[in-house]
């Protein structure tokens, strides 16, 4: 880890200093904080919206030291830098801290050898390139969901994280919520009998963008915001948030909430390392809802009126959403998971789980492979919607069967200098 290099530097600096200097109490670890040499240093990439919330959470951990931010929007960048420095100024005896650098180009941040980990909350079309660059530079990663824009990008991210020995947590934080874990444990423990159907309620696919050109706001590097996506003029309907509706930048509601709920569906089914074998779009006749079929006979539907995810079995059902858990019969949920039943990976703090795994080098609760498989389910549904026909999928080879047209959608060309290289 780069923290080893940092510790050596601090020791060497102390040994070779020619004049006396003052070591602050915060550097020594006062107020419950580890000493500076033992903290996990963070850089934050993409710091508007969810990225800002993630950053606030991470710098609230005593073992974390935020030292850099990166964003193509000057307003976001300056506000984040000020927020980090205010956080640490409150801890210093002098009440003044200026130790957070700000960058337009994320590669300047990831190239720093004194950063241990990064948080990535850019628009979706940047996730893969940013995460792979971070992995190459020895950084552990918190990557917001959906993990990738395409199936091919997801697999490239897995390959990079594994090749460079990094730890990655996908921001599908429902896995660190007790009611989702308990629901999946009930399903896997057989409390509803043999599962035959799952209903997942999320939004629909993204589409083409026909927004008109508008002046680029001052302080926004629009060409860099577009990055690897096909170039188009600025419109306030794209930045700072509404880009999710458009295919060049996101998969719409299918990948937004789908990265949460389809992830839980796969977890409950015990399918988090594989996927469906057939995807059927609604045809207005026999197929009413987007339908996924698994090799074990389970059928999953996009829609169906559930509050979030509903597992239906031969002896009952389990329905789970944020702040909501219901079963039929009702007494199925009356008893916590018992010895002898299935106990799943337990995390009670999604960001804290990443920090634990950075120290232990174990896999996170939403490891890169799980994130890849979960978002692939979302992408497969989108492709069935876009192509308007059934698809046969091989989850082992991650390719469509005898379908060159569909296989061309596994990844997309990148614009300009941007290449997906592991």
Foldseek 3Di string as FASTA:
>chain_A
DLLVVVLVVVVVCVVPDPDDDDDFPVCCQPPNAHHPSQAAEEEEEACPDVSVVVLVVQLVDSRYQYQEYEALFQVRQVVSQVVNQQSVLVVTPVSGGRRYYYYHDCLVVLQDSNHAAYEHDAFQQCQLLNLLSNLVSNHAYEYEPLNHLFLVSLVLSVVSCVVSLHAYFYNLCVLQPVQLQQQLLLLQQQLQHAWAEKEFEWDAFAAADDDDADDDDPRGPQCVSCFFFPDDHDDVCCPPPNVCRHSSGHGHRLGPLLLRQLLSVCSSVVNLQFAFFKWFDDDVPPRHFTWTAHPVNHIYGHDDDAPGMKIHHPRWIWGDDVVDIAIVVRCSPVDGDDPVTDRADHHNDRVVQSVVCSVVSDYGSCTSSSSSHSSNNSNVSSLCVVVVGMWGADRVVGATDPDVVSRVRNDDGTDDPDDSDD
